Structure formats: structure tokens, C-alpha cells
Amino acid sequence: MKNKGVLFLVQAAMIAAVYVVLTFVFAPISFGGVQVRISEALTILPIFTPAAIPGLFVGCLLGNFLGGAVLWDVLCGSIATLIGAVFTYLLRKHSRFLAPLPPILSNTLIVPFVLRYAYGTMLPISLLMVTVGVGEILSCGGLGLLLAAVLGKYRTQIFKNFAAGQQ
């Protein structure tokens, strides 16, 4: 590959676009106190490419902004996804099964405060942590690990074909 910077930008943009699309396709369950954001399954992608870190951040930022979220949700929710993506990247060499843990934890600890103070959700923060945490476990832990297994199986083939198209 002659220009790795272009590949990085293309991968990041593709991940951001897929995140936004999944957020909107599943909009009824992507927002609110009880949510299973299917697009959060993509937070597993930093184990495959560092381009996923900015891709996930921008995708979450755009998904929240275009979805009509308040400013605090746009910023804090996107930062929670960014934190999760960075730590998933850092865990990539240790265990694929630990990779979903950072986004689960960061969103479980940050998003309930946004729901409570930015939206005025009257549920206790502890209950919001449970509902957000369960949603993250389903999307990041369940769907994310399934996605990692599928991509891991075809990783060489996918990246080989993608790189060949760039030359």
C-alpha cells in the first residue's frame, strides 16, 4: 500500500458512516433510558484497525447530533464511545473477549448521568446504569463479539482485497 493515510481515512469514514446508518435504522431502540444501540457493536473494530477510533467517535457524534440529541449527549455520549474505542484498541493484543469491556464500562458510567441531567430522566442513576449497561452488554458484548468472530475469520481476505483495490 503506497498511501496508508488514505486507507486510514477511508476506513475511518466507512466506520463512521456505518455507525450513523445503524443508529438511524434502529432509532427506536438507539436512544432513551432503555436502549440497545446496535451501532455500538462496531466498538469491537479497534481490535482490527486503529482507524476505528476516530471512525466510531465521529459516527457517534454525527448519530447523536443528527438524531436530535441535546448538546451534552452529543459531546458526552461521543466521548464515552471514544474512551471505549481507545481502550479496546489498547486491549487488542491481550484478549478478544475483553475487547467489549471498555465501551460497556464507559457508556454505563457516563450515559446515565447524561440521561438524568441533560434530559431530566427521573429514574435513579443506579437504575439507568443497569438499563444502559444491559443494552451495552447486548450490543458490544453479544453482537460485537459475533462481529469480531466473523471478521476475524475473514480478516486476511477482507484486508487483502481492500488493499489490492487501493493500489
N, C-alpha and C. Protein backbone atom coordinates (compact mmCIF):
# COMPACT_ATOMS: atom_id res chain seq x y z
N MET A 1 0.85 -1.17 0.00
CA MET A 1 0.00 0.00 0.00
C MET A 1 0.89 1.23 0.00
N LYS A 2 0.68 2.08 -0.95
CA LYS A 2 1.53 3.26 -1.10
C LYS A 2 1.15 4.38 -0.15
N ASN A 3 -0.15 4.58 0.07
CA ASN A 3 -0.58 5.68 0.90
C ASN A 3 -1.45 5.18 2.05
N LYS A 4 -0.82 4.89 3.16
CA LYS A 4 -1.54 4.34 4.32
C LYS A 4 -2.47 5.38 4.94
N GLY A 5 -2.15 6.67 4.78
CA GLY A 5 -3.01 7.72 5.31
C GLY A 5 -4.37 7.72 4.65
N VAL A 6 -4.40 7.47 3.35
CA VAL A 6 -5.67 7.43 2.63
C VAL A 6 -6.49 6.23 3.10
N LEU A 7 -5.83 5.09 3.25
CA LEU A 7 -6.51 3.89 3.74
C LEU A 7 -7.10 4.14 5.13
N PHE A 8 -6.34 4.77 6.00
CA PHE A 8 -6.79 5.09 7.35
C PHE A 8 -8.05 5.96 7.29
N LEU A 9 -8.02 7.02 6.47
CA LEU A 9 -9.17 7.93 6.36
C LEU A 9 -10.39 7.23 5.77
N VAL A 10 -10.17 6.39 4.78
CA VAL A 10 -11.29 5.67 4.15
C VAL A 10 -11.92 4.70 5.16
N GLN A 11 -11.09 3.97 5.89
CA GLN A 11 -11.62 3.06 6.90
C GLN A 11 -12.39 3.82 7.97
N ALA A 12 -11.83 4.91 8.46
CA ALA A 12 -12.50 5.71 9.49
C ALA A 12 -13.83 6.24 8.98
N ALA A 13 -13.85 6.75 7.76
CA ALA A 13 -15.08 7.30 7.18
C ALA A 13 -16.14 6.21 6.99
N MET A 14 -15.70 5.04 6.55
CA MET A 14 -16.65 3.94 6.36
C MET A 14 -17.25 3.50 7.69
N ILE A 15 -16.43 3.41 8.70
CA ILE A 15 -16.92 3.01 10.03
C ILE A 15 -17.88 4.06 10.58
N ALA A 16 -17.54 5.33 10.41
CA ALA A 16 -18.44 6.41 10.86
C ALA A 16 -19.78 6.32 10.13
N ALA A 17 -19.74 6.11 8.83
CA ALA A 17 -20.97 6.03 8.04
C ALA A 17 -21.84 4.85 8.46
N VAL A 18 -21.23 3.70 8.67
CA VAL A 18 -21.99 2.52 9.09
C VAL A 18 -22.59 2.74 10.48
N TYR A 19 -21.83 3.38 11.37
CA TYR A 19 -22.33 3.68 12.72
C TYR A 19 -23.59 4.56 12.62
N VAL A 20 -23.52 5.61 11.81
CA VAL A 20 -24.66 6.52 11.68
C VAL A 20 -25.86 5.78 11.09
N VAL A 21 -25.64 5.01 10.05
CA VAL A 21 -26.73 4.29 9.41
C VAL A 21 -27.39 3.31 10.39
N LEU A 22 -26.58 2.54 11.11
CA LEU A 22 -27.15 1.60 12.08
C LEU A 22 -27.91 2.33 13.19
N THR A 23 -27.41 3.48 13.61
CA THR A 23 -28.09 4.25 14.65
C THR A 23 -29.48 4.67 14.16
N PHE A 24 -29.58 5.08 12.89
CA PHE A 24 -30.86 5.55 12.37
C PHE A 24 -31.79 4.41 11.98
N VAL A 25 -31.25 3.33 11.46
CA VAL A 25 -32.10 2.19 11.11
C VAL A 25 -32.78 1.64 12.36
N PHE A 26 -32.02 1.62 13.46
CA PHE A 26 -32.55 1.12 14.72
C PHE A 26 -32.86 2.26 15.70
N ALA A 27 -33.26 3.42 15.18
CA ALA A 27 -33.50 4.61 16.01
C ALA A 27 -34.46 4.37 17.17
N PRO A 28 -35.52 3.59 17.02
CA PRO A 28 -36.43 3.41 18.15
C PRO A 28 -35.77 2.80 19.39
N ILE A 29 -34.69 2.04 19.20
CA ILE A 29 -34.02 1.45 20.36
C ILE A 29 -32.63 2.04 20.58
N SER A 30 -32.26 3.05 19.78
CA SER A 30 -30.92 3.65 19.88
C SER A 30 -30.84 4.80 20.88
N PHE A 31 -31.96 5.34 21.29
CA PHE A 31 -31.98 6.50 22.17
C PHE A 31 -32.89 6.23 23.36
N GLY A 32 -32.64 6.94 24.46
CA GLY A 32 -33.52 6.86 25.62
C GLY A 32 -32.91 6.13 26.80
N GLY A 33 -33.69 6.05 27.87
CA GLY A 33 -33.23 5.44 29.11
C GLY A 33 -33.02 3.94 29.00
N VAL A 34 -33.83 3.30 28.19
CA VAL A 34 -33.66 1.87 27.90
C VAL A 34 -33.30 1.80 26.43
N GLN A 35 -32.04 1.49 26.17
CA GLN A 35 -31.57 1.49 24.79
C GLN A 35 -30.63 0.34 24.52
N VAL A 36 -30.72 -0.18 23.31
CA VAL A 36 -29.77 -1.15 22.80
C VAL A 36 -29.30 -0.57 21.47
N ARG A 37 -28.22 0.15 21.52
CA ARG A 37 -27.71 0.81 20.32
C ARG A 37 -26.91 -0.21 19.52
N ILE A 38 -27.53 -0.74 18.48
CA ILE A 38 -26.92 -1.78 17.65
C ILE A 38 -25.59 -1.31 17.08
N SER A 39 -25.49 -0.03 16.75
CA SER A 39 -24.25 0.52 16.19
C SER A 39 -23.07 0.39 17.15
N GLU A 40 -23.33 0.24 18.45
CA GLU A 40 -22.25 0.08 19.42
C GLU A 40 -21.52 -1.26 19.26
N ALA A 41 -22.09 -2.18 18.51
CA ALA A 41 -21.40 -3.44 18.20
C ALA A 41 -20.10 -3.15 17.45
N LEU A 42 -20.07 -2.03 16.74
CA LEU A 42 -18.88 -1.65 15.98
C LEU A 42 -17.71 -1.25 16.87
N THR A 43 -17.96 -1.05 18.16
CA THR A 43 -16.87 -0.66 19.06
C THR A 43 -15.83 -1.77 19.22
N ILE A 44 -16.09 -2.91 18.63
CA ILE A 44 -15.12 -4.01 18.62
C ILE A 44 -14.05 -3.77 17.54
N LEU A 45 -14.33 -2.92 16.59
CA LEU A 45 -13.45 -2.74 15.42
C LEU A 45 -12.04 -2.24 15.73
N PRO A 46 -11.78 -1.52 16.83
CA PRO A 46 -10.39 -1.14 17.10
C PRO A 46 -9.43 -2.32 17.27
N ILE A 47 -9.94 -3.54 17.49
CA ILE A 47 -9.02 -4.67 17.55
C ILE A 47 -8.48 -5.01 16.16
N PHE A 48 -9.13 -4.50 15.11
CA PHE A 48 -8.71 -4.77 13.73
C PHE A 48 -7.97 -3.60 13.09
N THR A 49 -8.35 -2.38 13.45
CA THR A 49 -7.73 -1.21 12.84
C THR A 49 -7.83 0.00 13.76
N PRO A 50 -6.74 0.78 13.89
CA PRO A 50 -6.81 1.99 14.71
C PRO A 50 -7.72 3.06 14.08
N ALA A 51 -8.01 2.92 12.80
CA ALA A 51 -8.91 3.88 12.14
C ALA A 51 -10.31 3.83 12.74
N ALA A 52 -10.62 2.75 13.43
CA ALA A 52 -11.93 2.64 14.06
C ALA A 52 -12.11 3.66 15.18
N ILE A 53 -11.03 4.09 15.78
CA ILE A 53 -11.14 5.03 16.91
C ILE A 53 -11.77 6.35 16.46
N PRO A 54 -11.19 7.06 15.49
CA PRO A 54 -11.86 8.28 15.04
C PRO A 54 -13.18 7.98 14.32
N GLY A 55 -13.25 6.84 13.64
CA GLY A 55 -14.48 6.48 12.93
C GLY A 55 -15.66 6.33 13.88
N LEU A 56 -15.44 5.65 14.99
CA LEU A 56 -16.50 5.46 15.97
C LEU A 56 -16.88 6.78 16.65
N PHE A 57 -15.87 7.58 16.97
CA PHE A 57 -16.13 8.88 17.61
C PHE A 57 -16.97 9.77 16.69
N VAL A 58 -16.55 9.90 15.45
CA VAL A 58 -17.28 10.76 14.50
C VAL A 58 -18.66 10.17 14.21
N GLY A 59 -18.75 8.84 14.09
CA GLY A 59 -20.04 8.21 13.84
C GLY A 59 -21.02 8.45 14.97
N CYS A 60 -20.55 8.32 16.20
CA CYS A 60 -21.40 8.57 17.36
C CYS A 60 -21.79 10.05 17.44
N LEU A 61 -20.81 10.91 17.21
CA LEU A 61 -21.06 12.36 17.22
C LEU A 61 -22.16 12.72 16.20
N LEU A 62 -22.01 12.23 14.99
CA LEU A 62 -23.00 12.52 13.93
C LEU A 62 -24.34 11.86 14.22
N GLY A 63 -24.30 10.61 14.69
CA GLY A 63 -25.54 9.90 15.00
C GLY A 63 -26.34 10.62 16.07
N ASN A 64 -25.65 11.07 17.12
CA ASN A 64 -26.33 11.80 18.19
C ASN A 64 -26.82 13.17 17.72
N PHE A 65 -25.97 13.88 16.99
CA PHE A 65 -26.33 15.22 16.53
C PHE A 65 -27.51 15.16 15.55
N LEU A 66 -27.40 14.31 14.56
CA LEU A 66 -28.46 14.20 13.55
C LEU A 66 -29.73 13.56 14.11
N GLY A 67 -29.57 12.81 15.20
CA GLY A 67 -30.72 12.19 15.85
C GLY A 67 -31.46 13.14 16.78
N GLY A 68 -30.98 14.38 16.88
CA GLY A 68 -31.67 15.38 17.68
C GLY A 68 -31.30 15.39 19.15
N ALA A 69 -30.18 14.78 19.49
CA ALA A 69 -29.75 14.75 20.89
C ALA A 69 -29.35 16.16 21.34
N VAL A 70 -29.46 16.38 22.64
CA VAL A 70 -29.02 17.66 23.20
C VAL A 70 -27.50 17.71 23.18
N LEU A 71 -26.95 18.91 23.29
CA LEU A 71 -25.50 19.11 23.18
C LEU A 71 -24.71 18.22 24.13
N TRP A 72 -25.17 18.11 25.40
CA TRP A 72 -24.44 17.31 26.38
C TRP A 72 -24.39 15.84 25.97
N ASP A 73 -25.46 15.37 25.35
CA ASP A 73 -25.49 13.98 24.88
C ASP A 73 -24.57 13.80 23.68
N VAL A 74 -24.60 14.76 22.78
CA VAL A 74 -23.72 14.70 21.60
C VAL A 74 -22.27 14.61 22.06
N LEU A 75 -21.89 15.49 22.99
CA LEU A 75 -20.50 15.52 23.45
C LEU A 75 -20.14 14.35 24.37
N CYS A 76 -20.90 14.18 25.44
CA CYS A 76 -20.55 13.15 26.44
C CYS A 76 -20.75 11.74 25.92
N GLY A 77 -21.81 11.52 25.17
CA GLY A 77 -22.03 10.19 24.59
C GLY A 77 -20.93 9.82 23.61
N SER A 78 -20.51 10.79 22.82
CA SER A 78 -19.44 10.54 21.85
C SER A 78 -18.10 10.32 22.55
N ILE A 79 -17.87 11.06 23.62
CA ILE A 79 -16.64 10.87 24.40
C ILE A 79 -16.64 9.49 25.06
N ALA A 80 -17.79 9.03 25.53
CA ALA A 80 -17.88 7.69 26.11
C ALA A 80 -17.50 6.63 25.08
N THR A 81 -17.98 6.81 23.85
CA THR A 81 -17.63 5.87 22.77
C THR A 81 -16.16 5.98 22.42
N LEU A 82 -15.63 7.19 22.41
CA LEU A 82 -14.20 7.39 22.14
C LEU A 82 -13.34 6.70 23.20
N ILE A 83 -13.68 6.89 24.46
CA ILE A 83 -12.93 6.24 25.55
C ILE A 83 -12.97 4.72 25.37
N GLY A 84 -14.16 4.20 25.10
CA GLY A 84 -14.30 2.76 24.89
C GLY A 84 -13.46 2.28 23.72
N ALA A 85 -13.44 3.03 22.62
CA ALA A 85 -12.67 2.63 21.44
C ALA A 85 -11.17 2.64 21.71
N VAL A 86 -10.69 3.66 22.40
CA VAL A 86 -9.26 3.76 22.71
C VAL A 86 -8.82 2.57 23.57
N PHE A 87 -9.59 2.27 24.60
CA PHE A 87 -9.19 1.17 25.49
C PHE A 87 -9.39 -0.20 24.83
N THR A 88 -10.36 -0.31 23.93
CA THR A 88 -10.49 -1.55 23.16
C THR A 88 -9.24 -1.75 22.31
N TYR A 89 -8.77 -0.69 21.68
CA TYR A 89 -7.54 -0.76 20.89
C TYR A 89 -6.36 -1.19 21.75
N LEU A 90 -6.27 -0.66 22.95
CA LEU A 90 -5.17 -1.00 23.84
C LEU A 90 -5.23 -2.46 24.32
N LEU A 91 -6.43 -3.02 24.36
CA LEU A 91 -6.60 -4.41 24.79
C LEU A 91 -6.49 -5.42 23.64
N ARG A 92 -6.34 -4.96 22.42
CA ARG A 92 -6.43 -5.81 21.24
C ARG A 92 -5.49 -7.02 21.26
N LYS A 93 -4.34 -6.89 21.87
CA LYS A 93 -3.36 -7.98 21.88
C LYS A 93 -3.52 -8.92 23.07
N HIS A 94 -4.36 -8.56 24.01
CA HIS A 94 -4.50 -9.35 25.23
C HIS A 94 -5.59 -10.40 25.12
N SER A 95 -6.77 -9.99 24.77
CA SER A 95 -7.88 -10.93 24.68
C SER A 95 -9.03 -10.31 23.89
N ARG A 96 -9.48 -11.04 22.91
CA ARG A 96 -10.62 -10.58 22.13
C ARG A 96 -11.88 -10.52 22.99
N PHE A 97 -11.96 -11.38 24.00
CA PHE A 97 -13.14 -11.41 24.85
C PHE A 97 -13.21 -10.23 25.81
N LEU A 98 -12.07 -9.58 26.08
CA LEU A 98 -12.06 -8.38 26.92
C LEU A 98 -12.35 -7.11 26.12
N ALA A 99 -12.25 -7.19 24.80
CA ALA A 99 -12.39 -6.01 23.94
C ALA A 99 -13.71 -5.25 24.13
N PRO A 100 -14.84 -5.92 24.35
CA PRO A 100 -16.09 -5.15 24.54
C PRO A 100 -16.19 -4.47 25.90
N LEU A 101 -15.34 -4.84 26.83
CA LEU A 101 -15.44 -4.31 28.20
C LEU A 101 -15.29 -2.78 28.28
N PRO A 102 -14.30 -2.17 27.62
CA PRO A 102 -14.18 -0.70 27.72
C PRO A 102 -15.41 0.09 27.27
N PRO A 103 -16.00 -0.22 26.09
CA PRO A 103 -17.20 0.55 25.74
C PRO A 103 -18.39 0.27 26.66
N ILE A 104 -18.48 -0.96 27.13
CA ILE A 104 -19.56 -1.27 28.08
C ILE A 104 -19.41 -0.42 29.33
N LEU A 105 -18.20 -0.40 29.89
CA LEU A 105 -17.96 0.36 31.12
C LEU A 105 -18.09 1.86 30.91
N SER A 106 -17.48 2.40 29.85
CA SER A 106 -17.51 3.85 29.66
C SER A 106 -18.93 4.36 29.44
N ASN A 107 -19.71 3.64 28.64
CA ASN A 107 -21.09 4.07 28.40
C ASN A 107 -21.97 3.87 29.63
N THR A 108 -21.73 2.78 30.37
CA THR A 108 -22.52 2.51 31.57
C THR A 108 -22.27 3.57 32.64
N LEU A 109 -21.06 4.10 32.69
CA LEU A 109 -20.72 5.09 33.71
C LEU A 109 -21.04 6.53 33.30
N ILE A 110 -21.05 6.82 32.00
CA ILE A 110 -21.24 8.20 31.54
C ILE A 110 -22.67 8.49 31.10
N VAL A 111 -23.24 7.64 30.27
CA VAL A 111 -24.55 7.91 29.66
C VAL A 111 -25.67 8.11 30.69
N PRO A 112 -25.73 7.34 31.78
CA PRO A 112 -26.82 7.58 32.75
C PRO A 112 -26.84 9.00 33.32
N PHE A 113 -25.67 9.59 33.52
CA PHE A 113 -25.62 10.97 34.00
C PHE A 113 -26.16 11.94 32.95
N VAL A 114 -25.90 11.65 31.69
CA VAL A 114 -26.44 12.48 30.60
C VAL A 114 -27.95 12.34 30.57
N LEU A 115 -28.44 11.11 30.68
CA LEU A 115 -29.88 10.90 30.66
C LEU A 115 -30.56 11.62 31.83
N ARG A 116 -29.93 11.58 32.98
CA ARG A 116 -30.53 12.19 34.17
C ARG A 116 -30.48 13.72 34.11
N TYR A 117 -29.30 14.27 33.82
CA TYR A 117 -29.13 15.72 33.95
C TYR A 117 -29.37 16.50 32.66
N ALA A 118 -29.17 15.89 31.51
CA ALA A 118 -29.42 16.60 30.25
C ALA A 118 -30.86 16.43 29.78
N TYR A 119 -31.44 15.28 30.08
CA TYR A 119 -32.81 15.01 29.63
C TYR A 119 -33.83 15.04 30.77
N GLY A 120 -33.35 15.05 32.01
CA GLY A 120 -34.26 15.09 33.14
C GLY A 120 -34.97 13.77 33.42
N THR A 121 -34.39 12.67 32.96
CA THR A 121 -34.97 11.36 33.24
C THR A 121 -35.02 11.17 34.75
N MET A 122 -36.18 10.82 35.26
CA MET A 122 -36.37 10.77 36.70
C MET A 122 -36.00 9.43 37.33
N LEU A 123 -35.56 8.48 36.55
CA LEU A 123 -35.12 7.21 37.12
C LEU A 123 -33.83 7.43 37.89
N PRO A 124 -33.61 6.64 38.95
CA PRO A 124 -32.35 6.76 39.69
C PRO A 124 -31.16 6.41 38.78
N ILE A 125 -30.05 7.07 39.01
CA ILE A 125 -28.85 6.84 38.20
C ILE A 125 -28.44 5.37 38.25
N SER A 126 -28.58 4.74 39.40
CA SER A 126 -28.21 3.33 39.50
C SER A 126 -29.07 2.46 38.56
N LEU A 127 -30.35 2.77 38.45
CA LEU A 127 -31.22 2.02 37.54
C LEU A 127 -30.86 2.32 36.08
N LEU A 128 -30.54 3.58 35.80
CA LEU A 128 -30.12 3.94 34.45
C LEU A 128 -28.81 3.23 34.08
N MET A 129 -27.93 3.06 35.06
CA MET A 129 -26.69 2.32 34.80
C MET A 129 -26.99 0.87 34.44
N VAL A 130 -27.98 0.30 35.09
CA VAL A 130 -28.38 -1.07 34.79
C VAL A 130 -28.96 -1.15 33.37
N THR A 131 -29.88 -0.24 33.04
CA THR A 131 -30.52 -0.32 31.72
C THR A 131 -29.53 -0.03 30.59
N VAL A 132 -28.68 0.97 30.77
CA VAL A 132 -27.67 1.28 29.75
C VAL A 132 -26.65 0.14 29.69
N GLY A 133 -26.24 -0.36 30.84
CA GLY A 133 -25.27 -1.45 30.89
C GLY A 133 -25.76 -2.71 30.20
N VAL A 134 -27.02 -3.07 30.44
CA VAL A 134 -27.58 -4.26 29.78
C VAL A 134 -27.61 -4.05 28.27
N GLY A 135 -28.01 -2.86 27.83
CA GLY A 135 -28.01 -2.56 26.40
C GLY A 135 -26.62 -2.65 25.79
N GLU A 136 -25.63 -2.16 26.51
CA GLU A 136 -24.24 -2.22 26.04
C GLU A 136 -23.73 -3.66 26.02
N ILE A 137 -24.11 -4.44 27.01
CA ILE A 137 -23.70 -5.85 27.04
C ILE A 137 -24.27 -6.58 25.82
N LEU A 138 -25.54 -6.29 25.51
CA LEU A 138 -26.15 -6.93 24.34
C LEU A 138 -25.49 -6.49 23.04
N SER A 139 -25.27 -5.17 22.89
CA SER A 139 -24.72 -4.68 21.62
C SER A 139 -23.22 -4.91 21.51
N CYS A 140 -22.45 -4.49 22.51
CA CYS A 140 -20.98 -4.63 22.44
C CYS A 140 -20.54 -6.05 22.72
N GLY A 141 -21.08 -6.61 23.80
CA GLY A 141 -20.67 -7.94 24.21
C GLY A 141 -21.21 -9.01 23.29
N GLY A 142 -22.50 -9.00 23.05
CA GLY A 142 -23.12 -10.01 22.20
C GLY A 142 -22.83 -9.82 20.72
N LEU A 143 -23.39 -8.77 20.17
CA LEU A 143 -23.23 -8.52 18.73
C LEU A 143 -21.79 -8.18 18.37
N GLY A 144 -21.10 -7.44 19.24
CA GLY A 144 -19.71 -7.06 18.96
C GLY A 144 -18.79 -8.27 18.87
N LEU A 145 -18.94 -9.20 19.81
CA LEU A 145 -18.11 -10.41 19.76
C LEU A 145 -18.46 -11.29 18.56
N LEU A 146 -19.73 -11.32 18.19
CA LEU A 146 -20.13 -12.05 16.99
C LEU A 146 -19.50 -11.42 15.75
N LEU A 147 -19.53 -10.10 15.68
CA LEU A 147 -18.90 -9.38 14.58
C LEU A 147 -17.39 -9.65 14.55
N ALA A 148 -16.76 -9.65 15.69
CA ALA A 148 -15.31 -9.92 15.77
C ALA A 148 -15.00 -11.33 15.28
N ALA A 149 -15.83 -12.28 15.63
CA ALA A 149 -15.61 -13.66 15.20
C ALA A 149 -15.71 -13.77 13.68
N VAL A 150 -16.71 -13.12 13.10
CA VAL A 150 -16.89 -13.17 11.65
C VAL A 150 -15.74 -12.45 10.95
N LEU A 151 -15.41 -11.25 11.40
CA LEU A 151 -14.32 -10.50 10.77
C LEU A 151 -12.98 -11.19 10.98
N GLY A 152 -12.77 -11.78 12.14
CA GLY A 152 -11.52 -12.49 12.41
C GLY A 152 -11.33 -13.66 11.47
N LYS A 153 -12.41 -14.33 11.14
CA LYS A 153 -12.36 -15.49 10.25
C LYS A 153 -11.97 -15.08 8.83
N TYR A 154 -12.43 -13.91 8.40
CA TYR A 154 -12.19 -13.45 7.03
C TYR A 154 -11.23 -12.28 6.95
N ARG A 155 -10.57 -11.97 8.05
CA ARG A 155 -9.73 -10.77 8.15
C ARG A 155 -8.70 -10.66 7.02
N THR A 156 -7.92 -11.69 6.81
CA THR A 156 -6.87 -11.66 5.80
C THR A 156 -7.47 -11.41 4.43
N GLN A 157 -8.54 -12.10 4.13
CA GLN A 157 -9.18 -11.97 2.83
C GLN A 157 -9.77 -10.57 2.64
N ILE A 158 -10.43 -10.04 3.64
CA ILE A 158 -11.05 -8.71 3.55
C ILE A 158 -10.00 -7.63 3.33
N PHE A 159 -8.97 -7.62 4.19
CA PHE A 159 -7.97 -6.57 4.10
C PHE A 159 -7.09 -6.72 2.87
N LYS A 160 -6.85 -7.93 2.43
CA LYS A 160 -6.07 -8.18 1.21
C LYS A 160 -6.82 -7.61 0.00
N ASN A 161 -8.11 -7.90 -0.08
CA ASN A 161 -8.91 -7.40 -1.21
C ASN A 161 -9.05 -5.88 -1.16
N PHE A 162 -9.22 -5.33 0.03
CA PHE A 162 -9.36 -3.89 0.17
C PHE A 162 -8.06 -3.18 -0.23
N ALA A 163 -6.93 -3.71 0.24
CA ALA A 163 -5.63 -3.11 -0.10
C ALA A 163 -5.33 -3.24 -1.58
N ALA A 164 -5.74 -4.35 -2.20
CA ALA A 164 -5.49 -4.54 -3.64
C ALA A 164 -6.24 -3.50 -4.45
N GLY A 165 -7.43 -3.14 -4.01
CA GLY A 165 -8.22 -2.13 -4.71
C GLY A 165 -7.65 -0.74 -4.59
N GLN A 166 -6.78 -0.50 -3.61
CA GLN A 166 -6.20 0.81 -3.39
C GLN A 166 -4.93 1.05 -4.19
N GLN A 167 -4.34 -0.01 -4.74
CA GLN A 167 -3.07 0.17 -5.43
C GLN A 167 -3.25 0.56 -6.87
